[in-house]
Amino acid sequence: MKARRETSPKKSTSRKSANRGADRTSARPVPAAEPDSSRVKVDAATRYNLIARAAYLRAEQRGFAPGGETQDWLEAEAEIERLLKS
């Protein structure tokens, strides 16, 4: 039995090589993006920990002066939400 000789995977027309993804440079249709598909998905515990760290850093920057904890948390929460969306 003769072995089939291929000159380039790009020029191959066999179904077998096409199914294996040999031609990775060909143009493929890009699926339409879902409205919220750019948002990074994290679980609730991870989100909470990210916000807590950011709030701590804000409190540290203001010298841990009492009275700004709620504002630190709210600003940290907004920052993390913005970062997760980008």
PDB file of N, CA and C in Angstrom:
ATOM      1  N   MET A   1       0.832  -1.165   0.000  1.00  0.00           N
ATOM      2  CA  MET A   1       0.000   0.000   0.000  1.00  0.00           C
ATOM      3  C   MET A   1       0.885   1.240   0.000  1.00  0.00           C
ATOM      4  N   LYS A   2       0.578   2.174  -0.874  1.00  0.00           N
ATOM      5  CA  LYS A   2       1.368   3.397  -0.975  1.00  0.00           C
ATOM      6  C   LYS A   2       0.964   4.379   0.104  1.00  0.00           C
ATOM      7  N   ALA A   3       1.947   5.051   0.674  1.00  0.00           N
ATOM      8  CA  ALA A   3       1.665   6.102   1.649  1.00  0.00           C
ATOM      9  C   ALA A   3       1.290   7.362   0.890  1.00  0.00           C
ATOM     10  N   ARG A   4       0.293   8.029   1.374  1.00  0.00           N
ATOM     11  CA  ARG A   4      -0.158   9.262   0.734  1.00  0.00           C
ATOM     12  C   ARG A   4       0.771  10.392   1.120  1.00  0.00           C
ATOM     13  N   ARG A   5       1.242  11.110   0.137  1.00  0.00           N
ATOM     14  CA  ARG A   5       2.190  12.190   0.382  1.00  0.00           C
ATOM     15  C   ARG A   5       1.461  13.522   0.291  1.00  0.00           C
ATOM     16  N   GLU A   6       1.571  14.289   1.355  1.00  0.00           N
ATOM     17  CA  GLU A   6       0.969  15.619   1.367  1.00  0.00           C
ATOM     18  C   GLU A   6       2.072  16.653   1.365  1.00  0.00           C
ATOM     19  N   THR A   7       1.921  17.661   0.532  1.00  0.00           N
ATOM     20  CA  THR A   7       2.947  18.688   0.452  1.00  0.00           C
ATOM     21  C   THR A   7       2.816  19.715   1.551  1.00  0.00           C
ATOM     22  N   SER A   8       1.599  19.972   1.976  1.00  0.00           N
ATOM     23  CA  SER A   8       1.371  20.963   3.004  1.00  0.00           C
ATOM     24  C   SER A   8       0.035  20.672   3.665  1.00  0.00           C
ATOM     25  N   PRO A   9      -0.026  20.788   5.001  1.00  0.00           N
ATOM     26  CA  PRO A   9      -1.311  20.551   5.652  1.00  0.00           C
ATOM     27  C   PRO A   9      -2.386  21.539   5.217  1.00  0.00           C
ATOM     28  N   LYS A  10      -1.982  22.729   4.767  1.00  0.00           N
ATOM     29  CA  LYS A  10      -2.948  23.734   4.336  1.00  0.00           C
ATOM     30  C   LYS A  10      -3.642  23.324   3.042  1.00  0.00           C
ATOM     31  N   LYS A  11      -2.936  22.572   2.178  1.00  0.00           N
ATOM     32  CA  LYS A  11      -3.496  22.206   0.890  1.00  0.00           C
ATOM     33  C   LYS A  11      -4.244  20.884   0.944  1.00  0.00           C
ATOM     34  N   SER A  12      -4.196  20.218   2.060  1.00  0.00           N
ATOM     35  CA  SER A  12      -4.859  18.937   2.183  1.00  0.00           C
ATOM     36  C   SER A  12      -6.370  19.113   2.098  1.00  0.00           C
ATOM     37  N   THR A  13      -6.986  18.221   1.348  1.00  0.00           N
ATOM     38  CA  THR A  13      -8.437  18.286   1.224  1.00  0.00           C
ATOM     39  C   THR A  13      -9.115  17.112   1.897  1.00  0.00           C
ATOM     40  N   SER A  14      -8.343  16.267   2.544  1.00  0.00           N
ATOM     41  CA  SER A  14      -8.956  15.104   3.178  1.00  0.00           C
ATOM     42  C   SER A  14      -9.764  15.546   4.394  1.00  0.00           C
ATOM     43  N   ARG A  15     -10.857  14.861   4.616  1.00  0.00           N
ATOM     44  CA  ARG A  15     -11.712  15.185   5.757  1.00  0.00           C
ATOM     45  C   ARG A  15     -11.004  14.910   7.075  1.00  0.00           C
ATOM     46  N   LYS A  16     -10.199  13.885   7.074  1.00  0.00           N
ATOM     47  CA  LYS A  16      -9.521  13.502   8.302  1.00  0.00           C
ATOM     48  C   LYS A  16      -8.637  14.636   8.820  1.00  0.00           C
ATOM     49  N   SER A  17      -7.818  15.229   7.960  1.00  0.00           N
ATOM     50  CA  SER A  17      -6.944  16.309   8.409  1.00  0.00           C
ATOM     51  C   SER A  17      -7.735  17.578   8.715  1.00  0.00           C
ATOM     52  N   ALA A  18      -8.820  17.799   7.993  1.00  0.00           N
ATOM     53  CA  ALA A  18      -9.638  18.982   8.263  1.00  0.00           C
ATOM     54  C   ALA A  18     -10.305  18.864   9.624  1.00  0.00           C
ATOM     55  N   ASN A  19     -10.718  17.673   9.988  1.00  0.00           N
ATOM     56  CA  ASN A  19     -11.353  17.472  11.278  1.00  0.00           C
ATOM     57  C   ASN A  19     -10.378  17.589  12.437  1.00  0.00           C
ATOM     58  N   ARG A  20      -9.120  17.319  12.177  1.00  0.00           N
ATOM     59  CA  ARG A  20      -8.119  17.445  13.233  1.00  0.00           C
ATOM     60  C   ARG A  20      -7.665  18.876  13.419  1.00  0.00           C
ATOM     61  N   GLY A  21      -8.102  19.775  12.593  1.00  0.00           N
ATOM     62  CA  GLY A  21      -7.718  21.174  12.734  1.00  0.00           C
ATOM     63  C   GLY A  21      -6.368  21.471  12.138  1.00  0.00           C
ATOM     64  N   ALA A  22      -5.966  20.724  11.097  1.00  0.00           N
ATOM     65  CA  ALA A  22      -4.655  20.936  10.492  1.00  0.00           C
ATOM     66  C   ALA A  22      -4.544  22.332   9.891  1.00  0.00           C
ATOM     67  N   ASP A  23      -5.639  22.854   9.374  1.00  0.00           N
ATOM     68  CA  ASP A  23      -5.611  24.176   8.759  1.00  0.00           C
ATOM     69  C   ASP A  23      -6.109  25.203   9.768  1.00  0.00           C
ATOM     70  N   ARG A  24      -5.242  25.652  10.604  1.00  0.00           N
ATOM     71  CA  ARG A  24      -5.621  26.579  11.676  1.00  0.00           C
ATOM     72  C   ARG A  24      -5.606  28.031  11.214  1.00  0.00           C
ATOM     73  N   THR A  25      -5.108  28.293  10.034  1.00  0.00           N
ATOM     74  CA  THR A  25      -5.026  29.672   9.563  1.00  0.00           C
ATOM     75  C   THR A  25      -6.217  30.071   8.709  1.00  0.00           C
ATOM     76  N   SER A  26      -7.082  29.129   8.391  1.00  0.00           N
ATOM     77  CA  SER A  26      -8.214  29.469   7.541  1.00  0.00           C
ATOM     78  C   SER A  26      -9.193  30.356   8.307  1.00  0.00           C
ATOM     79  N   ALA A  27      -9.913  31.143   7.568  1.00  0.00           N
ATOM     80  CA  ALA A  27     -10.886  32.043   8.189  1.00  0.00           C
ATOM     81  C   ALA A  27     -12.083  31.226   8.653  1.00  0.00           C
ATOM     82  N   ARG A  28     -12.477  31.446   9.873  1.00  0.00           N
ATOM     83  CA  ARG A  28     -13.635  30.772  10.435  1.00  0.00           C
ATOM     84  C   ARG A  28     -14.624  31.831  10.875  1.00  0.00           C
ATOM     85  N   PRO A  29     -15.895  31.539  10.765  1.00  0.00           N
ATOM     86  CA  PRO A  29     -16.874  32.524  11.248  1.00  0.00           C
ATOM     87  C   PRO A  29     -16.760  32.684  12.754  1.00  0.00           C
ATOM     88  N   VAL A  30     -16.826  33.900  13.202  1.00  0.00           N
ATOM     89  CA  VAL A  30     -16.738  34.196  14.624  1.00  0.00           C
ATOM     90  C   VAL A  30     -18.152  34.287  15.174  1.00  0.00           C
ATOM     91  N   PRO A  31     -18.442  33.519  16.227  1.00  0.00           N
ATOM     92  CA  PRO A  31     -19.802  33.587  16.769  1.00  0.00           C
ATOM     93  C   PRO A  31     -20.087  34.963  17.348  1.00  0.00           C
ATOM     94  N   ALA A  32     -21.325  35.375  17.266  1.00  0.00           N
ATOM     95  CA  ALA A  32     -21.724  36.672  17.800  1.00  0.00           C
ATOM     96  C   ALA A  32     -21.527  36.680  19.310  1.00  0.00           C
ATOM     97  N   ALA A  33     -20.998  37.760  19.819  1.00  0.00           N
ATOM     98  CA  ALA A  33     -20.740  37.873  21.254  1.00  0.00           C
ATOM     99  C   ALA A  33     -22.046  38.031  22.009  1.00  0.00           C
ATOM    100  N   GLU A  34     -22.123  37.360  23.118  1.00  0.00           N
ATOM    101  CA  GLU A  34     -23.285  37.529  23.977  1.00  0.00           C
ATOM    102  C   GLU A  34     -23.156  38.864  24.683  1.00  0.00           C
ATOM    103  N   PRO A  35     -24.240  39.457  25.128  1.00  0.00           N
ATOM    104  CA  PRO A  35     -24.188  40.775  25.748  1.00  0.00           C
ATOM    105  C   PRO A  35     -23.220  40.868  26.917  1.00  0.00           C
ATOM    106  N   ASP A  36     -23.086  39.819  27.716  1.00  0.00           N
ATOM    107  CA  ASP A  36     -22.240  39.872  28.898  1.00  0.00           C
ATOM    108  C   ASP A  36     -21.062  38.907  28.793  1.00  0.00           C
ATOM    109  N   SER A  37     -20.653  38.533  27.569  1.00  0.00           N
ATOM    110  CA  SER A  37     -19.624  37.515  27.397  1.00  0.00           C
ATOM    111  C   SER A  37     -18.228  38.011  27.754  1.00  0.00           C
ATOM    112  N   SER A  38     -17.998  39.327  27.808  1.00  0.00           N
ATOM    113  CA  SER A  38     -16.672  39.842  28.116  1.00  0.00           C
ATOM    114  C   SER A  38     -16.400  39.856  29.613  1.00  0.00           C
ATOM    115  N   ARG A  39     -17.410  39.626  30.400  1.00  0.00           N
ATOM    116  CA  ARG A  39     -17.260  39.669  31.847  1.00  0.00           C
ATOM    117  C   ARG A  39     -16.570  38.409  32.350  1.00  0.00           C
ATOM    118  N   VAL A  40     -15.588  38.588  33.235  1.00  0.00           N
ATOM    119  CA  VAL A  40     -14.885  37.460  33.832  1.00  0.00           C
ATOM    120  C   VAL A  40     -15.782  36.848  34.893  1.00  0.00           C
ATOM    121  N   LYS A  41     -15.898  35.533  34.858  1.00  0.00           N
ATOM    122  CA  LYS A  41     -16.750  34.847  35.823  1.00  0.00           C
ATOM    123  C   LYS A  41     -15.911  34.391  37.018  1.00  0.00           C
ATOM    124  N   VAL A  42     -16.312  34.806  38.213  1.00  0.00           N
ATOM    125  CA  VAL A  42     -15.671  34.344  39.441  1.00  0.00           C
ATOM    126  C   VAL A  42     -16.762  33.953  40.422  1.00  0.00           C
ATOM    127  N   ASP A  43     -16.434  33.033  41.306  1.00  0.00           N
ATOM    128  CA  ASP A  43     -17.439  32.626  42.286  1.00  0.00           C
ATOM    129  C   ASP A  43     -17.546  33.687  43.385  1.00  0.00           C
ATOM    130  N   ALA A  44     -18.558  33.552  44.207  1.00  0.00           N
ATOM    131  CA  ALA A  44     -18.853  34.560  45.231  1.00  0.00           C
ATOM    132  C   ALA A  44     -17.715  34.716  46.233  1.00  0.00           C
ATOM    133  N   ALA A  45     -17.090  33.621  46.613  1.00  0.00           N
ATOM    134  CA  ALA A  45     -15.999  33.687  47.596  1.00  0.00           C
ATOM    135  C   ALA A  45     -14.790  34.430  47.030  1.00  0.00           C
ATOM    136  N   THR A  46     -14.467  34.162  45.780  1.00  0.00           N
ATOM    137  CA  THR A  46     -13.334  34.848  45.140  1.00  0.00           C
ATOM    138  C   THR A  46     -13.624  36.334  45.004  1.00  0.00           C
ATOM    139  N   ARG A  47     -14.838  36.660  44.585  1.00  0.00           N
ATOM    140  CA  ARG A  47     -15.234  38.068  44.445  1.00  0.00           C
ATOM    141  C   ARG A  47     -15.120  38.783  45.787  1.00  0.00           C
ATOM    142  N   TYR A  48     -15.620  38.155  46.850  1.00  0.00           N
ATOM    143  CA  TYR A  48     -15.557  38.737  48.191  1.00  0.00           C
ATOM    144  C   TYR A  48     -14.105  38.979  48.607  1.00  0.00           C
ATOM    145  N   ASN A  49     -13.241  37.993  48.367  1.00  0.00           N
ATOM    146  CA  ASN A  49     -11.827  38.139  48.740  1.00  0.00           C
ATOM    147  C   ASN A  49     -11.137  39.244  47.959  1.00  0.00           C
ATOM    148  N   LEU A  50     -11.455  39.390  46.686  1.00  0.00           N
ATOM    149  CA  LEU A  50     -10.879  40.476  45.883  1.00  0.00           C
ATOM    150  C   LEU A  50     -11.306  41.835  46.421  1.00  0.00           C
ATOM    151  N   ILE A  51     -12.576  41.956  46.763  1.00  0.00           N
ATOM    152  CA  ILE A  51     -13.088  43.220  47.306  1.00  0.00           C
ATOM    153  C   ILE A  51     -12.452  43.509  48.654  1.00  0.00           C
ATOM    154  N   ALA A  52     -12.340  42.492  49.511  1.00  0.00           N
ATOM    155  CA  ALA A  52     -11.752  42.675  50.840  1.00  0.00           C
ATOM    156  C   ALA A  52     -10.298  43.143  50.743  1.00  0.00           C
ATOM    157  N   ARG A  53      -9.547  42.555  49.820  1.00  0.00           N
ATOM    158  CA  ARG A  53      -8.137  42.981  49.651  1.00  0.00           C
ATOM    159  C   ARG A  53      -8.050  44.418  49.164  1.00  0.00           C
ATOM    160  N   ALA A  54      -8.900  44.755  48.189  1.00  0.00           N
ATOM    161  CA  ALA A  54      -8.887  46.119  47.660  1.00  0.00           C
ATOM    162  C   ALA A  54      -9.309  47.119  48.733  1.00  0.00           C
ATOM    163  N   ALA A  55     -10.291  46.757  49.555  1.00  0.00           N
ATOM    164  CA  ALA A  55     -10.740  47.639  50.640  1.00  0.00           C
ATOM    165  C   ALA A  55      -9.632  47.808  51.678  1.00  0.00           C
ATOM    166  N   TYR A  56      -8.928  46.732  51.974  1.00  0.00           N
ATOM    167  CA  TYR A  56      -7.821  46.805  52.932  1.00  0.00           C
ATOM    168  C   TYR A  56      -6.742  47.761  52.419  1.00  0.00           C
ATOM    169  N   LEU A  57      -6.414  47.655  51.134  1.00  0.00           N
ATOM    170  CA  LEU A  57      -5.394  48.541  50.565  1.00  0.00           C
ATOM    171  C   LEU A  57      -5.827  50.007  50.625  1.00  0.00           C
ATOM    172  N   ARG A  58      -7.107  50.245  50.402  1.00  0.00           N
ATOM    173  CA  ARG A  58      -7.618  51.618  50.519  1.00  0.00           C
ATOM    174  C   ARG A  58      -7.497  52.122  51.962  1.00  0.00           C
ATOM    175  N   ALA A  59      -7.850  51.270  52.924  1.00  0.00           N
ATOM    176  CA  ALA A  59      -7.745  51.652  54.340  1.00  0.00           C
ATOM    177  C   ALA A  59      -6.277  51.901  54.713  1.00  0.00           C
ATOM    178  N   GLU A  60      -5.403  51.082  54.199  1.00  0.00           N
ATOM    179  CA  GLU A  60      -3.973  51.255  54.469  1.00  0.00           C
ATOM    180  C   GLU A  60      -3.476  52.592  53.921  1.00  0.00           C
ATOM    181  N   GLN A  61      -3.930  52.954  52.723  1.00  0.00           N
ATOM    182  CA  GLN A  61      -3.515  54.221  52.112  1.00  0.00           C
ATOM    183  C   GLN A  61      -3.965  55.426  52.925  1.00  0.00           C
ATOM    184  N   ARG A  62      -5.076  55.312  53.621  1.00  0.00           N
ATOM    185  CA  ARG A  62      -5.551  56.437  54.432  1.00  0.00           C
ATOM    186  C   ARG A  62      -5.116  56.302  55.889  1.00  0.00           C
ATOM    187  N   GLY A  63      -4.180  55.387  56.164  1.00  0.00           N
ATOM    188  CA  GLY A  63      -3.604  55.244  57.497  1.00  0.00           C
ATOM    189  C   GLY A  63      -4.520  54.562  58.500  1.00  0.00           C
ATOM    190  N   PHE A  64      -5.481  53.764  58.032  1.00  0.00           N
ATOM    191  CA  PHE A  64      -6.428  53.031  58.883  1.00  0.00           C
ATOM    192  C   PHE A  64      -7.201  53.956  59.825  1.00  0.00           C
ATOM    193  N   ALA A  65      -7.402  55.190  59.396  1.00  0.00           N
ATOM    194  CA  ALA A  65      -8.189  56.123  60.215  1.00  0.00           C
ATOM    195  C   ALA A  65      -9.625  55.596  60.315  1.00  0.00           C
ATOM    196  N   PRO A  66     -10.205  55.617  61.505  1.00  0.00           N
ATOM    197  CA  PRO A  66     -11.564  55.091  61.663  1.00  0.00           C
ATOM    198  C   PRO A  66     -12.603  55.956  60.949  1.00  0.00           C
ATOM    199  N   GLY A  67     -13.679  55.301  60.567  1.00  0.00           N
ATOM    200  CA  GLY A  67     -14.792  56.026  59.968  1.00  0.00           C
ATOM    201  C   GLY A  67     -14.904  55.913  58.468  1.00  0.00           C
ATOM    202  N   GLY A  68     -13.933  55.345  57.793  1.00  0.00           N
ATOM    203  CA  GLY A  68     -13.995  55.271  56.328  1.00  0.00           C
ATOM    204  C   GLY A  68     -14.145  53.855  55.800  1.00  0.00           C
ATOM    205  N   GLU A  69     -14.457  52.904  56.669  1.00  0.00           N
ATOM    206  CA  GLU A  69     -14.506  51.505  56.267  1.00  0.00           C
ATOM    207  C   GLU A  69     -15.573  51.230  55.207  1.00  0.00           C
ATOM    208  N   THR A  70     -16.746  51.792  55.399  1.00  0.00           N
ATOM    209  CA  THR A  70     -17.834  51.572  54.450  1.00  0.00           C
ATOM    210  C   THR A  70     -17.492  52.159  53.089  1.00  0.00           C
ATOM    211  N   GLN A  71     -16.936  53.358  53.092  1.00  0.00           N
ATOM    212  CA  GLN A  71     -16.546  53.997  51.833  1.00  0.00           C
ATOM    213  C   GLN A  71     -15.443  53.196  51.143  1.00  0.00           C
ATOM    214  N   ASP A  72     -14.482  52.685  51.920  1.00  0.00           N
ATOM    215  CA  ASP A  72     -13.421  51.846  51.352  1.00  0.00           C
ATOM    216  C   ASP A  72     -14.025  50.625  50.666  1.00  0.00           C
ATOM    217  N   TRP A  73     -14.985  49.990  51.339  1.00  0.00           N
ATOM    218  CA  TRP A  73     -15.603  48.776  50.793  1.00  0.00           C
ATOM    219  C   TRP A  73     -16.372  49.086  49.506  1.00  0.00           C
ATOM    220  N   LEU A  74     -17.162  50.149  49.525  1.00  0.00           N
ATOM    221  CA  LEU A  74     -17.959  50.489  48.353  1.00  0.00           C
ATOM    222  C   LEU A  74     -17.090  50.855  47.150  1.00  0.00           C
ATOM    223  N   GLU A  75     -16.024  51.592  47.393  1.00  0.00           N
ATOM    224  CA  GLU A  75     -15.109  51.948  46.308  1.00  0.00           C
ATOM    225  C   GLU A  75     -14.371  50.717  45.792  1.00  0.00           C
ATOM    226  N   ALA A  76     -13.976  49.828  46.703  1.00  0.00           N
ATOM    227  CA  ALA A  76     -13.292  48.592  46.310  1.00  0.00           C
ATOM    228  C   ALA A  76     -14.230  47.705  45.495  1.00  0.00           C
ATOM    229  N   GLU A  77     -15.493  47.630  45.919  1.00  0.00           N
ATOM    230  CA  GLU A  77     -16.479  46.831  45.204  1.00  0.00           C
ATOM    231  C   GLU A  77     -16.671  47.349  43.781  1.00  0.00           C
ATOM    232  N   ALA A  78     -16.768  48.656  43.638  1.00  0.00           N
ATOM    233  CA  ALA A  78     -16.921  49.254  42.308  1.00  0.00           C
ATOM    234  C   ALA A  78     -15.682  49.000  41.448  1.00  0.00           C
ATOM    235  N   GLU A  79     -14.512  49.088  42.058  1.00  0.00           N
ATOM    236  CA  GLU A  79     -13.263  48.854  41.333  1.00  0.00           C
ATOM    237  C   GLU A  79     -13.186  47.411  40.831  1.00  0.00           C
ATOM    238  N   ILE A  80     -13.497  46.460  41.680  1.00  0.00           N
ATOM    239  CA  ILE A  80     -13.427  45.049  41.296  1.00  0.00           C
ATOM    240  C   ILE A  80     -14.455  44.739  40.207  1.00  0.00           C
ATOM    241  N   GLU A  81     -15.653  45.267  40.319  1.00  0.00           N
ATOM    242  CA  GLU A  81     -16.675  45.057  39.285  1.00  0.00           C
ATOM    243  C   GLU A  81     -16.181  45.611  37.944  1.00  0.00           C
ATOM    244  N   ARG A  82     -15.570  46.778  37.968  1.00  0.00           N
ATOM    245  CA  ARG A  82     -15.046  47.389  36.753  1.00  0.00           C
ATOM    246  C   ARG A  82     -13.934  46.520  36.159  1.00  0.00           C
ATOM    247  N   LEU A  83     -13.052  45.986  37.000  1.00  0.00           N
ATOM    248  CA  LEU A  83     -11.953  45.148  36.510  1.00  0.00           C
ATOM    249  C   LEU A  83     -12.471  43.823  35.963  1.00  0.00           C
ATOM    250  N   LEU A  84     -13.471  43.250  36.587  1.00  0.00           N
ATOM    251  CA  LEU A  84     -14.004  41.977  36.117  1.00  0.00           C
ATOM    252  C   LEU A  84     -14.741  42.121  34.788  1.00  0.00           C
ATOM    253  N   LYS A  85     -15.281  43.295  34.530  1.00  0.00           N
ATOM    254  CA  LYS A  85     -15.987  43.528  33.267  1.00  0.00           C
ATOM    255  C   LYS A  85     -15.030  43.793  32.119  1.00  0.00           C
ATOM    256  N   SER A  86     -13.838  44.288  32.424  1.00  0.00           N
ATOM    257  CA  SER A  86     -12.891  44.614  31.351  1.00  0.00           C
ATOM    258  C   SER A  86     -12.054  43.441  30.935  1.00  0.00           C
TER     259      SER A  86
END
